[in-house]
Amino acid sequence: MSQGSPEFVDNMIQVFITELPESLRLLENHMKNKSYDRIRAVAHIIKPSINIMEIESVETSIQQLEDYASSKTNLEQIPALVQEVIDTCNKTILQLHKRNAR
């Protein structure tokens, strides 16, 4: 997708760093409130960012989160999935901040 363009990659990283934290906060709040339709919506919104940034460790989890929240099944698994996505994305954001500081 980037066709080797460092500017494109830098832009994608900047968008990820600046926009994802708010989505993660929303995801956590919606989980606490058991707002499954909103969990599904936020998961759907952040899924492309996770895929573009190639965070393979949570690609399945974000899909499951979206599916479970949409169908309102496996609800007992949603808190762990939310936490896994939040923790992994926050670690990635931290690593990207360190990369940009170089």
N, C-alpha and C. Protein backbone atom coordinates (compact mmCIF):
# COMPACT_ATOMS: atom_id res chain seq x y z
N MET A 1 0.82 -1.19 0.00
CA MET A 1 0.00 0.00 0.00
C MET A 1 0.86 1.26 0.00
N SER A 2 1.95 1.26 0.77
CA SER A 2 2.79 2.45 0.87
C SER A 2 3.70 2.60 -0.34
N GLN A 3 3.89 1.54 -1.12
CA GLN A 3 4.75 1.52 -2.29
C GLN A 3 6.12 2.09 -1.97
N GLY A 4 6.61 1.79 -0.75
CA GLY A 4 7.94 2.21 -0.36
C GLY A 4 8.06 3.67 0.04
N SER A 5 6.97 4.37 0.18
CA SER A 5 6.99 5.79 0.51
C SER A 5 7.17 6.01 2.01
N PRO A 6 8.32 6.54 2.43
CA PRO A 6 8.52 6.81 3.85
C PRO A 6 7.53 7.83 4.40
N GLU A 7 7.11 8.77 3.56
CA GLU A 7 6.15 9.78 3.99
C GLU A 7 4.80 9.14 4.31
N PHE A 8 4.40 8.19 3.48
CA PHE A 8 3.14 7.50 3.72
C PHE A 8 3.20 6.72 5.03
N VAL A 9 4.28 6.01 5.23
CA VAL A 9 4.46 5.21 6.45
C VAL A 9 4.45 6.13 7.67
N ASP A 10 5.19 7.24 7.60
CA ASP A 10 5.23 8.19 8.71
C ASP A 10 3.85 8.76 9.00
N ASN A 11 3.09 9.05 7.96
CA ASN A 11 1.74 9.57 8.13
C ASN A 11 0.84 8.54 8.81
N MET A 12 0.92 7.30 8.38
CA MET A 12 0.11 6.24 8.98
C MET A 12 0.44 6.06 10.46
N ILE A 13 1.72 6.12 10.78
CA ILE A 13 2.15 6.00 12.17
C ILE A 13 1.61 7.16 12.99
N GLN A 14 1.69 8.36 12.45
CA GLN A 14 1.21 9.53 13.18
C GLN A 14 -0.29 9.45 13.42
N VAL A 15 -1.04 9.02 12.44
CA VAL A 15 -2.49 8.86 12.60
C VAL A 15 -2.78 7.82 13.68
N PHE A 16 -2.06 6.73 13.64
CA PHE A 16 -2.24 5.66 14.63
C PHE A 16 -1.97 6.18 16.04
N ILE A 17 -0.87 6.90 16.20
CA ILE A 17 -0.47 7.41 17.51
C ILE A 17 -1.46 8.44 18.05
N THR A 18 -1.97 9.29 17.18
CA THR A 18 -2.82 10.39 17.65
C THR A 18 -4.29 10.01 17.79
N GLU A 19 -4.79 9.13 16.95
CA GLU A 19 -6.22 8.84 16.95
C GLU A 19 -6.61 7.60 17.73
N LEU A 20 -5.74 6.62 17.79
CA LEU A 20 -6.11 5.36 18.43
C LEU A 20 -6.35 5.47 19.94
N PRO A 21 -5.56 6.27 20.69
CA PRO A 21 -5.81 6.33 22.14
C PRO A 21 -7.24 6.69 22.52
N GLU A 22 -7.86 7.61 21.81
CA GLU A 22 -9.24 7.97 22.11
C GLU A 22 -10.18 6.79 21.84
N SER A 23 -9.95 6.07 20.77
CA SER A 23 -10.77 4.89 20.47
C SER A 23 -10.61 3.83 21.54
N LEU A 24 -9.40 3.67 22.04
CA LEU A 24 -9.16 2.69 23.11
C LEU A 24 -9.88 3.10 24.39
N ARG A 25 -9.89 4.39 24.69
CA ARG A 25 -10.64 4.87 25.87
C ARG A 25 -12.13 4.60 25.71
N LEU A 26 -12.64 4.87 24.52
CA LEU A 26 -14.05 4.59 24.25
C LEU A 26 -14.36 3.11 24.40
N LEU A 27 -13.49 2.29 23.86
CA LEU A 27 -13.67 0.84 23.94
C LEU A 27 -13.76 0.40 25.40
N GLU A 28 -12.87 0.90 26.23
CA GLU A 28 -12.88 0.54 27.65
C GLU A 28 -14.15 1.04 28.35
N ASN A 29 -14.55 2.26 28.05
CA ASN A 29 -15.78 2.80 28.66
C ASN A 29 -17.01 2.02 28.23
N HIS A 30 -17.09 1.70 26.97
CA HIS A 30 -18.24 0.93 26.48
C HIS A 30 -18.28 -0.46 27.09
N MET A 31 -17.10 -1.04 27.32
CA MET A 31 -17.06 -2.35 27.97
C MET A 31 -17.59 -2.25 29.39
N LYS A 32 -17.14 -1.24 30.13
CA LYS A 32 -17.60 -1.06 31.50
C LYS A 32 -19.11 -0.88 31.56
N ASN A 33 -19.66 -0.22 30.55
CA ASN A 33 -21.11 0.03 30.50
C ASN A 33 -21.89 -1.08 29.80
N LYS A 34 -21.16 -2.09 29.35
CA LYS A 34 -21.77 -3.21 28.61
C LYS A 34 -22.58 -2.72 27.41
N SER A 35 -22.05 -1.73 26.74
CA SER A 35 -22.67 -1.16 25.54
C SER A 35 -22.14 -1.92 24.33
N TYR A 36 -22.70 -3.08 24.09
CA TYR A 36 -22.16 -3.99 23.09
C TYR A 36 -22.22 -3.45 21.67
N ASP A 37 -23.27 -2.70 21.33
CA ASP A 37 -23.35 -2.12 19.99
C ASP A 37 -22.23 -1.10 19.78
N ARG A 38 -21.92 -0.36 20.83
CA ARG A 38 -20.85 0.64 20.72
C ARG A 38 -19.48 -0.04 20.71
N ILE A 39 -19.33 -1.13 21.46
CA ILE A 39 -18.08 -1.90 21.41
C ILE A 39 -17.86 -2.39 19.98
N ARG A 40 -18.91 -2.93 19.39
CA ARG A 40 -18.81 -3.41 18.01
C ARG A 40 -18.40 -2.28 17.07
N ALA A 41 -19.00 -1.11 17.23
CA ALA A 41 -18.71 0.02 16.35
C ALA A 41 -17.25 0.47 16.49
N VAL A 42 -16.76 0.57 17.71
CA VAL A 42 -15.37 1.00 17.92
C VAL A 42 -14.41 -0.06 17.41
N ALA A 43 -14.69 -1.32 17.68
CA ALA A 43 -13.84 -2.40 17.18
C ALA A 43 -13.78 -2.36 15.65
N HIS A 44 -14.91 -2.11 15.03
CA HIS A 44 -14.97 -2.03 13.57
C HIS A 44 -14.12 -0.86 13.06
N ILE A 45 -14.13 0.25 13.78
CA ILE A 45 -13.37 1.43 13.37
C ILE A 45 -11.87 1.21 13.51
N ILE A 46 -11.45 0.56 14.60
CA ILE A 46 -10.00 0.42 14.81
C ILE A 46 -9.39 -0.80 14.12
N LYS A 47 -10.22 -1.70 13.67
CA LYS A 47 -9.71 -2.91 13.01
C LYS A 47 -8.81 -2.60 11.81
N PRO A 48 -9.16 -1.68 10.92
CA PRO A 48 -8.26 -1.39 9.80
C PRO A 48 -6.90 -0.85 10.26
N SER A 49 -6.88 -0.04 11.31
CA SER A 49 -5.61 0.48 11.82
C SER A 49 -4.72 -0.66 12.32
N ILE A 50 -5.33 -1.60 13.01
CA ILE A 50 -4.58 -2.76 13.51
C ILE A 50 -4.04 -3.58 12.34
N ASN A 51 -4.85 -3.74 11.32
CA ASN A 51 -4.41 -4.50 10.15
C ASN A 51 -3.32 -3.77 9.38
N ILE A 52 -3.48 -2.46 9.17
CA ILE A 52 -2.49 -1.68 8.44
C ILE A 52 -1.15 -1.67 9.17
N MET A 53 -1.22 -1.55 10.51
CA MET A 53 0.01 -1.51 11.30
C MET A 53 0.57 -2.92 11.52
N GLU A 54 -0.13 -3.91 11.01
CA GLU A 54 0.29 -5.32 11.06
C GLU A 54 0.54 -5.80 12.49
N ILE A 55 -0.41 -5.47 13.36
CA ILE A 55 -0.34 -5.94 14.75
C ILE A 55 -1.05 -7.30 14.78
N GLU A 56 -0.36 -8.29 14.26
CA GLU A 56 -0.94 -9.61 14.04
C GLU A 56 -1.41 -10.27 15.33
N SER A 57 -0.78 -9.92 16.44
CA SER A 57 -1.13 -10.59 17.71
C SER A 57 -2.56 -10.30 18.15
N VAL A 58 -3.18 -9.23 17.64
CA VAL A 58 -4.57 -8.94 18.04
C VAL A 58 -5.54 -8.87 16.87
N GLU A 59 -5.10 -9.25 15.69
CA GLU A 59 -6.02 -9.23 14.55
C GLU A 59 -7.21 -10.15 14.78
N THR A 60 -6.96 -11.34 15.29
CA THR A 60 -8.06 -12.27 15.58
C THR A 60 -8.91 -11.75 16.73
N SER A 61 -8.28 -11.20 17.74
CA SER A 61 -9.01 -10.70 18.92
C SER A 61 -9.94 -9.56 18.56
N ILE A 62 -9.49 -8.63 17.71
CA ILE A 62 -10.35 -7.50 17.35
C ILE A 62 -11.54 -7.99 16.52
N GLN A 63 -11.31 -9.00 15.68
CA GLN A 63 -12.41 -9.56 14.89
C GLN A 63 -13.41 -10.28 15.80
N GLN A 64 -12.89 -11.05 16.75
CA GLN A 64 -13.77 -11.73 17.71
C GLN A 64 -14.56 -10.72 18.52
N LEU A 65 -13.91 -9.68 18.95
CA LEU A 65 -14.56 -8.64 19.74
C LEU A 65 -15.72 -8.03 18.95
N GLU A 66 -15.47 -7.71 17.71
CA GLU A 66 -16.52 -7.16 16.86
C GLU A 66 -17.66 -8.17 16.68
N ASP A 67 -17.31 -9.41 16.41
CA ASP A 67 -18.32 -10.45 16.19
C ASP A 67 -19.15 -10.72 17.45
N TYR A 68 -18.47 -10.90 18.59
CA TYR A 68 -19.17 -11.21 19.84
C TYR A 68 -20.08 -10.06 20.26
N ALA A 69 -19.59 -8.83 20.14
CA ALA A 69 -20.40 -7.68 20.53
C ALA A 69 -21.60 -7.53 19.59
N SER A 70 -21.40 -7.81 18.33
CA SER A 70 -22.48 -7.70 17.36
C SER A 70 -23.58 -8.74 17.61
N SER A 71 -23.16 -9.98 17.86
CA SER A 71 -24.12 -11.06 18.05
C SER A 71 -24.55 -11.22 19.50
N LYS A 72 -23.87 -10.46 20.39
CA LYS A 72 -24.13 -10.55 21.82
C LYS A 72 -24.00 -12.00 22.33
N THR A 73 -22.94 -12.64 21.84
CA THR A 73 -22.59 -13.99 22.28
C THR A 73 -21.20 -13.96 22.90
N ASN A 74 -20.89 -14.97 23.68
CA ASN A 74 -19.59 -15.05 24.34
C ASN A 74 -19.25 -13.77 25.09
N LEU A 75 -20.26 -13.17 25.71
CA LEU A 75 -20.09 -11.88 26.38
C LEU A 75 -19.07 -11.94 27.50
N GLU A 76 -18.91 -13.11 28.11
CA GLU A 76 -17.94 -13.25 29.19
C GLU A 76 -16.50 -13.10 28.68
N GLN A 77 -16.29 -13.25 27.38
CA GLN A 77 -14.94 -13.13 26.80
C GLN A 77 -14.60 -11.69 26.41
N ILE A 78 -15.60 -10.85 26.32
CA ILE A 78 -15.38 -9.48 25.85
C ILE A 78 -14.40 -8.70 26.73
N PRO A 79 -14.52 -8.72 28.06
CA PRO A 79 -13.55 -7.94 28.86
C PRO A 79 -12.09 -8.33 28.60
N ALA A 80 -11.81 -9.60 28.49
CA ALA A 80 -10.43 -10.04 28.23
C ALA A 80 -9.97 -9.62 26.84
N LEU A 81 -10.86 -9.70 25.87
CA LEU A 81 -10.50 -9.28 24.51
C LEU A 81 -10.24 -7.78 24.47
N VAL A 82 -11.09 -7.01 25.13
CA VAL A 82 -10.90 -5.55 25.18
C VAL A 82 -9.55 -5.24 25.82
N GLN A 83 -9.26 -5.88 26.94
CA GLN A 83 -8.00 -5.61 27.63
C GLN A 83 -6.80 -5.99 26.78
N GLU A 84 -6.89 -7.12 26.08
CA GLU A 84 -5.79 -7.54 25.21
C GLU A 84 -5.54 -6.52 24.10
N VAL A 85 -6.61 -6.05 23.48
CA VAL A 85 -6.49 -5.06 22.41
C VAL A 85 -5.89 -3.76 22.96
N ILE A 86 -6.41 -3.30 24.09
CA ILE A 86 -5.92 -2.06 24.69
C ILE A 86 -4.44 -2.19 25.05
N ASP A 87 -4.07 -3.25 25.75
CA ASP A 87 -2.69 -3.43 26.18
C ASP A 87 -1.73 -3.51 24.98
N THR A 88 -2.09 -4.29 24.00
CA THR A 88 -1.22 -4.46 22.83
C THR A 88 -1.10 -3.17 22.04
N CYS A 89 -2.20 -2.48 21.83
CA CYS A 89 -2.15 -1.22 21.09
C CYS A 89 -1.37 -0.16 21.85
N ASN A 90 -1.54 -0.09 23.16
CA ASN A 90 -0.77 0.88 23.95
C ASN A 90 0.73 0.58 23.90
N LYS A 91 1.09 -0.68 23.93
CA LYS A 91 2.51 -1.05 23.80
C LYS A 91 3.04 -0.64 22.43
N THR A 92 2.23 -0.85 21.41
CA THR A 92 2.63 -0.46 20.06
C THR A 92 2.80 1.05 19.95
N ILE A 93 1.86 1.79 20.53
CA ILE A 93 1.95 3.26 20.51
C ILE A 93 3.22 3.71 21.21
N LEU A 94 3.54 3.12 22.34
CA LEU A 94 4.76 3.46 23.06
C LEU A 94 6.00 3.18 22.21
N GLN A 95 6.03 2.04 21.55
CA GLN A 95 7.16 1.70 20.69
C GLN A 95 7.28 2.69 19.53
N LEU A 96 6.15 3.10 18.98
CA LEU A 96 6.17 4.05 17.87
C LEU A 96 6.64 5.43 18.33
N HIS A 97 6.25 5.83 19.54
CA HIS A 97 6.75 7.09 20.10
C HIS A 97 8.27 7.03 20.23
N LYS A 98 8.78 5.91 20.72
CA LYS A 98 10.23 5.75 20.87
C LYS A 98 10.91 5.81 19.50
N ARG A 99 10.31 5.18 18.51
CA ARG A 99 10.86 5.19 17.14
C ARG A 99 10.92 6.61 16.62
N ASN A 100 9.85 7.38 16.85
CA ASN A 100 9.81 8.75 16.35
C ASN A 100 10.76 9.68 17.09
N ALA A 101 11.14 9.31 18.31
CA ALA A 101 12.04 10.15 19.10
C ALA A 101 13.49 10.04 18.65
N ARG A 102 13.77 9.05 17.85
CA ARG A 102 15.17 8.84 17.39
C ARG A 102 15.57 9.86 16.38
